[in-house]
N, C-alpha and C. Protein backbone atom coordinates (compact mmCIF):
# COMPACT_ATOMS: atom_id res chain seq x y z
N LEU A 1 2.42 19.25 -8.94
CA LEU A 1 3.31 18.28 -8.34
C LEU A 1 4.13 18.95 -7.24
N SER A 2 4.43 18.18 -6.21
CA SER A 2 5.21 18.71 -5.10
C SER A 2 6.70 18.51 -5.37
N ILE A 3 7.52 19.10 -4.51
CA ILE A 3 8.97 18.92 -4.63
C ILE A 3 9.31 17.44 -4.52
N LYS A 4 8.65 16.74 -3.61
CA LYS A 4 8.89 15.30 -3.45
C LYS A 4 8.57 14.55 -4.74
N ASP A 5 7.51 14.96 -5.42
CA ASP A 5 7.13 14.30 -6.67
C ASP A 5 8.18 14.53 -7.75
N PHE A 6 8.67 15.76 -7.86
CA PHE A 6 9.72 16.04 -8.83
C PHE A 6 10.99 15.24 -8.52
N LEU A 7 11.33 15.13 -7.23
CA LEU A 7 12.49 14.34 -6.83
C LEU A 7 12.28 12.86 -7.17
N ALA A 8 11.05 12.37 -6.97
CA ALA A 8 10.74 10.97 -7.29
C ALA A 8 10.89 10.72 -8.78
N ILE A 9 10.35 11.60 -9.59
CA ILE A 9 10.43 11.43 -11.04
C ILE A 9 11.90 11.46 -11.49
N ASN A 10 12.66 12.41 -10.96
CA ASN A 10 14.07 12.51 -11.31
C ASN A 10 14.84 11.26 -10.87
N ALA A 11 14.57 10.77 -9.66
CA ALA A 11 15.26 9.57 -9.17
C ALA A 11 14.93 8.35 -10.02
N MET A 12 13.67 8.24 -10.43
CA MET A 12 13.28 7.08 -11.25
C MET A 12 13.88 7.18 -12.65
N LYS A 13 14.02 8.40 -13.18
CA LYS A 13 14.67 8.55 -14.48
C LYS A 13 16.12 8.11 -14.42
N LYS A 14 16.72 8.24 -13.23
CA LYS A 14 18.12 7.83 -13.04
C LYS A 14 18.25 6.37 -12.64
N GLY A 15 17.12 5.64 -12.59
CA GLY A 15 17.17 4.21 -12.35
C GLY A 15 16.69 3.71 -11.00
N LEU A 16 16.33 4.61 -10.09
CA LEU A 16 15.85 4.16 -8.78
C LEU A 16 14.45 3.56 -8.93
N LYS A 17 14.22 2.42 -8.32
CA LYS A 17 12.92 1.75 -8.40
C LYS A 17 11.91 2.46 -7.49
N PRO A 18 10.63 2.50 -7.88
CA PRO A 18 9.61 3.16 -7.07
C PRO A 18 9.54 2.65 -5.63
N LEU A 19 9.68 1.33 -5.44
CA LEU A 19 9.62 0.79 -4.08
C LEU A 19 10.80 1.28 -3.25
N ASP A 20 11.99 1.33 -3.84
CA ASP A 20 13.16 1.83 -3.13
C ASP A 20 12.98 3.29 -2.73
N PHE A 21 12.45 4.08 -3.66
CA PHE A 21 12.21 5.49 -3.35
C PHE A 21 11.21 5.62 -2.21
N THR A 22 10.14 4.83 -2.26
CA THR A 22 9.11 4.89 -1.22
C THR A 22 9.69 4.53 0.15
N ILE A 23 10.47 3.49 0.21
CA ILE A 23 11.09 3.08 1.48
C ILE A 23 12.01 4.18 1.99
N GLN A 24 12.81 4.73 1.09
CA GLN A 24 13.75 5.76 1.50
C GLN A 24 13.05 7.00 2.06
N ILE A 25 12.00 7.47 1.39
CA ILE A 25 11.36 8.69 1.88
C ILE A 25 10.61 8.45 3.18
N ASN A 26 10.03 7.27 3.33
CA ASN A 26 9.32 6.97 4.58
C ASN A 26 10.30 6.80 5.75
N LEU A 27 11.41 6.14 5.50
CA LEU A 27 12.42 5.97 6.55
C LEU A 27 13.02 7.32 6.93
N LEU A 28 13.36 8.12 5.93
CA LEU A 28 13.92 9.44 6.20
C LEU A 28 12.91 10.31 6.95
N GLY A 29 11.65 10.23 6.56
CA GLY A 29 10.61 10.99 7.27
C GLY A 29 10.50 10.60 8.73
N ALA A 30 10.56 9.30 9.00
CA ALA A 30 10.49 8.82 10.38
C ALA A 30 11.70 9.29 11.18
N LEU A 31 12.88 9.22 10.58
CA LEU A 31 14.09 9.66 11.28
C LEU A 31 14.08 11.17 11.53
N LEU A 32 13.62 11.94 10.55
CA LEU A 32 13.53 13.39 10.74
C LEU A 32 12.51 13.75 11.83
N THR A 33 11.40 13.04 11.86
CA THR A 33 10.40 13.28 12.90
C THR A 33 10.97 12.98 14.28
N LEU A 34 11.66 11.87 14.40
CA LEU A 34 12.29 11.52 15.67
C LEU A 34 13.33 12.58 16.07
N GLY A 35 14.15 12.98 15.12
CA GLY A 35 15.15 14.00 15.38
C GLY A 35 14.55 15.32 15.83
N MET A 36 13.48 15.74 15.16
CA MET A 36 12.81 16.99 15.55
C MET A 36 12.18 16.86 16.93
N SER A 37 11.62 15.70 17.22
CA SER A 37 11.03 15.48 18.54
C SER A 37 12.07 15.62 19.63
N ILE A 38 13.24 15.05 19.40
CA ILE A 38 14.32 15.15 20.39
C ILE A 38 14.81 16.59 20.48
N TYR A 39 15.01 17.23 19.34
CA TYR A 39 15.53 18.59 19.32
C TYR A 39 14.59 19.56 20.05
N PHE A 40 13.29 19.42 19.80
CA PHE A 40 12.33 20.33 20.42
C PHE A 40 11.85 19.81 21.78
N LYS A 41 12.50 18.78 22.26
CA LYS A 41 12.24 18.21 23.58
C LYS A 41 10.78 17.77 23.78
N SER A 42 10.14 17.36 22.71
CA SER A 42 8.78 16.85 22.84
C SER A 42 8.79 15.33 22.98
N PHE A 43 9.98 14.73 22.85
CA PHE A 43 10.11 13.28 22.95
C PHE A 43 9.68 12.79 24.32
N ASP A 44 9.90 13.61 25.37
CA ASP A 44 9.53 13.19 26.72
C ASP A 44 8.02 13.04 26.87
N LYS A 45 7.26 13.65 25.97
CA LYS A 45 5.80 13.51 26.04
C LYS A 45 5.36 12.08 25.69
N LEU A 46 6.24 11.34 25.04
CA LEU A 46 5.90 9.96 24.69
C LEU A 46 5.69 9.09 25.92
N GLN A 47 6.27 9.49 27.04
CA GLN A 47 6.10 8.69 28.25
C GLN A 47 4.65 8.69 28.73
N HIS A 48 3.87 9.66 28.29
CA HIS A 48 2.46 9.75 28.69
C HIS A 48 1.54 8.96 27.75
N ILE A 49 2.11 8.42 26.69
CA ILE A 49 1.33 7.62 25.76
C ILE A 49 1.34 6.17 26.24
N SER A 50 0.18 5.57 26.27
CA SER A 50 0.09 4.19 26.71
C SER A 50 0.41 3.27 25.54
N PHE A 51 1.60 2.68 25.58
CA PHE A 51 1.99 1.76 24.52
C PHE A 51 1.38 0.37 24.72
N THR A 52 0.61 0.23 25.80
CA THR A 52 -0.05 -1.06 26.03
C THR A 52 -1.42 -1.08 25.36
N ASP A 53 -1.84 0.06 24.86
CA ASP A 53 -3.13 0.14 24.16
C ASP A 53 -2.95 -0.42 22.75
N ILE A 54 -3.31 -1.67 22.58
CA ILE A 54 -3.10 -2.38 21.32
C ILE A 54 -3.89 -1.71 20.19
N LYS A 55 -5.08 -1.21 20.48
CA LYS A 55 -5.88 -0.57 19.42
C LYS A 55 -5.17 0.64 18.86
N SER A 56 -4.58 1.47 19.73
CA SER A 56 -3.87 2.66 19.27
C SER A 56 -2.64 2.28 18.46
N LEU A 57 -1.89 1.31 18.96
CA LEU A 57 -0.71 0.86 18.22
C LEU A 57 -1.11 0.24 16.89
N GLY A 58 -2.15 -0.55 16.90
CA GLY A 58 -2.63 -1.17 15.66
C GLY A 58 -3.10 -0.14 14.66
N ALA A 59 -3.83 0.86 15.12
CA ALA A 59 -4.31 1.92 14.23
C ALA A 59 -3.14 2.71 13.67
N SER A 60 -2.15 3.02 14.50
CA SER A 60 -0.97 3.76 14.04
C SER A 60 -0.18 2.95 13.01
N PHE A 61 -0.01 1.68 13.30
CA PHE A 61 0.71 0.81 12.37
C PHE A 61 -0.04 0.70 11.05
N LEU A 62 -1.35 0.51 11.12
CA LEU A 62 -2.16 0.39 9.91
C LEU A 62 -2.12 1.68 9.10
N ALA A 63 -2.21 2.82 9.77
CA ALA A 63 -2.14 4.10 9.07
C ALA A 63 -0.80 4.27 8.37
N GLY A 64 0.28 3.91 9.06
CA GLY A 64 1.60 3.99 8.45
C GLY A 64 1.75 3.06 7.27
N LEU A 65 1.22 1.85 7.40
CA LEU A 65 1.29 0.87 6.32
C LEU A 65 0.50 1.34 5.10
N VAL A 66 -0.70 1.85 5.34
CA VAL A 66 -1.53 2.36 4.24
C VAL A 66 -0.83 3.53 3.56
N GLU A 67 -0.23 4.42 4.34
CA GLU A 67 0.49 5.56 3.77
C GLU A 67 1.65 5.10 2.90
N MET A 68 2.38 4.09 3.36
CA MET A 68 3.51 3.60 2.58
C MET A 68 3.03 2.93 1.29
N ILE A 69 1.99 2.14 1.37
CA ILE A 69 1.45 1.48 0.18
C ILE A 69 0.93 2.53 -0.80
N TRP A 70 0.21 3.52 -0.29
CA TRP A 70 -0.33 4.57 -1.14
C TRP A 70 0.80 5.35 -1.81
N SER A 71 1.83 5.67 -1.06
CA SER A 71 2.98 6.38 -1.60
C SER A 71 3.62 5.58 -2.73
N PHE A 72 3.74 4.27 -2.54
CA PHE A 72 4.31 3.41 -3.57
C PHE A 72 3.43 3.40 -4.82
N ILE A 73 2.12 3.28 -4.63
CA ILE A 73 1.20 3.23 -5.78
C ILE A 73 1.29 4.53 -6.59
N VAL A 74 1.27 5.67 -5.90
CA VAL A 74 1.33 6.96 -6.60
C VAL A 74 2.68 7.12 -7.30
N THR A 75 3.77 6.72 -6.64
CA THR A 75 5.10 6.83 -7.25
C THR A 75 5.19 5.92 -8.48
N MET A 76 4.69 4.71 -8.38
CA MET A 76 4.69 3.80 -9.52
C MET A 76 3.82 4.36 -10.66
N ALA A 77 2.68 4.91 -10.31
CA ALA A 77 1.79 5.48 -11.33
C ALA A 77 2.45 6.67 -12.02
N MET A 78 3.19 7.48 -11.26
CA MET A 78 3.88 8.62 -11.88
C MET A 78 4.94 8.14 -12.86
N LYS A 79 5.53 7.00 -12.58
CA LYS A 79 6.56 6.46 -13.47
C LYS A 79 5.96 5.98 -14.79
N ILE A 80 4.79 5.36 -14.75
CA ILE A 80 4.24 4.77 -15.97
C ILE A 80 3.24 5.65 -16.71
N ALA A 81 2.77 6.71 -16.07
CA ALA A 81 1.78 7.59 -16.71
C ALA A 81 2.44 8.42 -17.81
N PRO A 82 1.70 8.75 -18.87
CA PRO A 82 2.28 9.59 -19.91
C PRO A 82 2.66 10.98 -19.38
N ASN A 83 1.96 11.43 -18.37
CA ASN A 83 2.27 12.69 -17.70
C ASN A 83 2.25 12.41 -16.20
N PRO A 84 3.35 12.65 -15.48
CA PRO A 84 3.39 12.34 -14.04
C PRO A 84 2.34 13.09 -13.23
N GLY A 85 1.77 14.13 -13.80
CA GLY A 85 0.73 14.89 -13.10
C GLY A 85 -0.61 14.17 -13.05
N TYR A 86 -0.83 13.21 -13.94
CA TYR A 86 -2.12 12.51 -13.96
C TYR A 86 -2.43 11.80 -12.64
N PRO A 87 -1.52 10.96 -12.13
CA PRO A 87 -1.83 10.29 -10.85
C PRO A 87 -2.04 11.29 -9.71
N LYS A 88 -1.27 12.37 -9.72
CA LYS A 88 -1.43 13.37 -8.66
C LYS A 88 -2.80 14.05 -8.78
N ALA A 89 -3.24 14.31 -9.99
CA ALA A 89 -4.55 14.93 -10.18
C ALA A 89 -5.65 14.01 -9.65
N ILE A 90 -5.52 12.73 -9.93
CA ILE A 90 -6.52 11.78 -9.46
C ILE A 90 -6.52 11.70 -7.93
N THR A 91 -5.34 11.77 -7.32
CA THR A 91 -5.29 11.70 -5.85
C THR A 91 -5.98 12.89 -5.21
N GLU A 92 -6.08 14.01 -5.93
CA GLU A 92 -6.76 15.18 -5.38
C GLU A 92 -8.26 14.92 -5.19
N LEU A 93 -8.76 13.88 -5.80
CA LEU A 93 -10.17 13.53 -5.58
C LEU A 93 -10.40 13.11 -4.14
N GLY A 94 -9.34 12.79 -3.41
CA GLY A 94 -9.45 12.50 -1.98
C GLY A 94 -9.99 13.70 -1.22
N VAL A 95 -9.66 14.90 -1.68
CA VAL A 95 -10.19 16.12 -1.06
C VAL A 95 -11.71 16.16 -1.22
N VAL A 96 -12.17 15.77 -2.39
CA VAL A 96 -13.61 15.74 -2.66
C VAL A 96 -14.30 14.74 -1.75
N ILE A 97 -13.74 13.55 -1.65
CA ILE A 97 -14.32 12.51 -0.82
C ILE A 97 -14.36 12.96 0.64
N SER A 98 -13.25 13.54 1.12
CA SER A 98 -13.20 14.02 2.51
C SER A 98 -14.23 15.11 2.75
N ALA A 99 -14.34 16.04 1.82
CA ALA A 99 -15.29 17.15 1.98
C ALA A 99 -16.73 16.66 2.03
N ILE A 100 -17.05 15.67 1.23
CA ILE A 100 -18.42 15.15 1.21
C ILE A 100 -18.71 14.30 2.44
N LEU A 101 -17.74 13.47 2.85
CA LEU A 101 -17.99 12.55 3.96
C LEU A 101 -17.86 13.18 5.34
N SER A 102 -17.06 14.23 5.47
CA SER A 102 -16.82 14.83 6.79
C SER A 102 -18.10 15.24 7.51
N PRO A 103 -19.01 15.97 6.86
CA PRO A 103 -20.24 16.33 7.58
C PRO A 103 -21.06 15.11 8.01
N ILE A 104 -20.98 14.06 7.23
CA ILE A 104 -21.73 12.84 7.55
C ILE A 104 -21.07 12.12 8.73
N ILE A 105 -19.76 11.93 8.65
CA ILE A 105 -19.04 11.20 9.68
C ILE A 105 -19.06 11.95 11.01
N TYR A 106 -18.80 13.26 10.96
CA TYR A 106 -18.70 14.04 12.20
C TYR A 106 -20.00 14.71 12.61
N ARG A 107 -21.05 14.52 11.81
CA ARG A 107 -22.38 15.06 12.10
C ARG A 107 -22.33 16.55 12.44
N LYS A 108 -21.62 17.29 11.57
CA LYS A 108 -21.49 18.73 11.80
C LYS A 108 -21.90 19.49 10.55
N GLY A 109 -23.14 19.83 10.45
CA GLY A 109 -23.61 20.67 9.36
C GLY A 109 -23.62 19.99 8.01
N THR A 110 -23.77 20.82 7.01
CA THR A 110 -23.79 20.35 5.64
C THR A 110 -22.89 21.26 4.80
N LEU A 111 -22.66 20.87 3.58
CA LEU A 111 -21.84 21.67 2.68
C LEU A 111 -22.67 22.83 2.13
N ASP A 112 -22.06 24.02 2.07
CA ASP A 112 -22.78 25.17 1.51
C ASP A 112 -22.48 25.29 0.02
N THR A 113 -23.05 26.30 -0.60
CA THR A 113 -22.92 26.49 -2.05
C THR A 113 -21.46 26.68 -2.46
N GLN A 114 -20.71 27.45 -1.70
CA GLN A 114 -19.30 27.69 -2.02
C GLN A 114 -18.49 26.39 -1.95
N GLU A 115 -18.75 25.57 -0.95
CA GLU A 115 -18.04 24.30 -0.81
C GLU A 115 -18.39 23.35 -1.96
N TRP A 116 -19.66 23.29 -2.33
CA TRP A 116 -20.04 22.47 -3.48
C TRP A 116 -19.40 23.00 -4.76
N GLY A 117 -19.29 24.31 -4.87
CA GLY A 117 -18.61 24.90 -6.03
C GLY A 117 -17.15 24.48 -6.10
N GLY A 118 -16.49 24.45 -4.94
CA GLY A 118 -15.11 23.99 -4.89
C GLY A 118 -14.98 22.53 -5.29
N ILE A 119 -15.89 21.71 -4.81
CA ILE A 119 -15.88 20.29 -5.15
C ILE A 119 -16.06 20.10 -6.66
N ILE A 120 -17.00 20.80 -7.24
CA ILE A 120 -17.25 20.69 -8.68
C ILE A 120 -16.03 21.18 -9.47
N THR A 121 -15.41 22.26 -9.00
CA THR A 121 -14.21 22.79 -9.66
C THR A 121 -13.08 21.76 -9.65
N ILE A 122 -12.87 21.10 -8.52
CA ILE A 122 -11.81 20.08 -8.44
C ILE A 122 -12.11 18.94 -9.41
N ILE A 123 -13.35 18.47 -9.41
CA ILE A 123 -13.72 17.36 -10.31
C ILE A 123 -13.52 17.76 -11.77
N LEU A 124 -13.98 18.94 -12.13
CA LEU A 124 -13.81 19.40 -13.52
C LEU A 124 -12.33 19.54 -13.88
N GLY A 125 -11.53 20.04 -12.96
CA GLY A 125 -10.10 20.17 -13.21
C GLY A 125 -9.44 18.82 -13.47
N VAL A 126 -9.78 17.84 -12.65
CA VAL A 126 -9.22 16.50 -12.83
C VAL A 126 -9.68 15.92 -14.17
N VAL A 127 -10.95 16.08 -14.49
CA VAL A 127 -11.47 15.56 -15.77
C VAL A 127 -10.74 16.22 -16.94
N LEU A 128 -10.56 17.54 -16.88
CA LEU A 128 -9.86 18.24 -17.97
C LEU A 128 -8.42 17.78 -18.11
N ILE A 129 -7.75 17.52 -17.01
CA ILE A 129 -6.36 17.06 -17.07
C ILE A 129 -6.28 15.65 -17.63
N ILE A 130 -7.11 14.77 -17.11
CA ILE A 130 -7.04 13.36 -17.50
C ILE A 130 -7.50 13.12 -18.93
N PHE A 131 -8.53 13.83 -19.36
CA PHE A 131 -9.08 13.58 -20.69
C PHE A 131 -8.58 14.59 -21.73
N ASP A 132 -7.42 15.18 -21.48
CA ASP A 132 -6.77 16.05 -22.44
C ASP A 132 -6.50 15.21 -23.68
N THR A 133 -6.98 15.66 -24.83
CA THR A 133 -6.88 14.83 -26.04
C THR A 133 -5.51 14.88 -26.70
N ASP A 134 -4.73 15.91 -26.45
CA ASP A 134 -3.43 16.03 -27.08
C ASP A 134 -2.34 15.45 -26.18
N LYS A 135 -2.25 14.14 -26.15
CA LYS A 135 -1.29 13.45 -25.30
C LYS A 135 0.14 13.64 -25.80
N SER A 136 0.33 13.96 -27.08
CA SER A 136 1.67 14.06 -27.63
C SER A 136 2.50 15.15 -26.97
N LYS A 137 1.86 16.21 -26.50
CA LYS A 137 2.62 17.29 -25.87
C LYS A 137 3.24 16.85 -24.55
N HIS A 138 2.70 15.77 -23.96
CA HIS A 138 3.24 15.27 -22.69
C HIS A 138 4.30 14.19 -22.90
N LEU A 139 4.36 13.65 -24.08
CA LEU A 139 5.29 12.57 -24.36
C LEU A 139 6.58 13.05 -25.02
N GLY A 140 6.69 14.36 -25.16
CA GLY A 140 7.90 14.93 -25.73
C GLY A 140 7.99 14.78 -27.23
N LYS A 141 6.88 14.56 -27.91
CA LYS A 141 6.88 14.39 -29.37
C LYS A 141 6.69 15.72 -30.06
């Protein structure tokens, strides 16, 4: 789990709703990004971006929306799971999907033995975490 995940779990234990936490972290992230852009004077580079390109704006908006929804789903899952690490372990399967699809999408080579070994290791790790038979140790019993 990341520091953000530990903060989310702690905030929810104190009564903060998952949606509120998700909105707060996304808003804070956007404000920090804007602040850093201004501080490092990279904000002026925005003038070279064509804001009339509806496809780019639409893709950026959609990516942000998907990220916010995904963040909410994972935060909600961490709240209701017997172990907050379960949803995070499942999300790591995204690495597997990316690794398998990247050579296909970008038409650049294939996966070698070491890469397939990494993929299998991730899958086995997730399976071992999720199908751990002694759930009582995670429930504080």
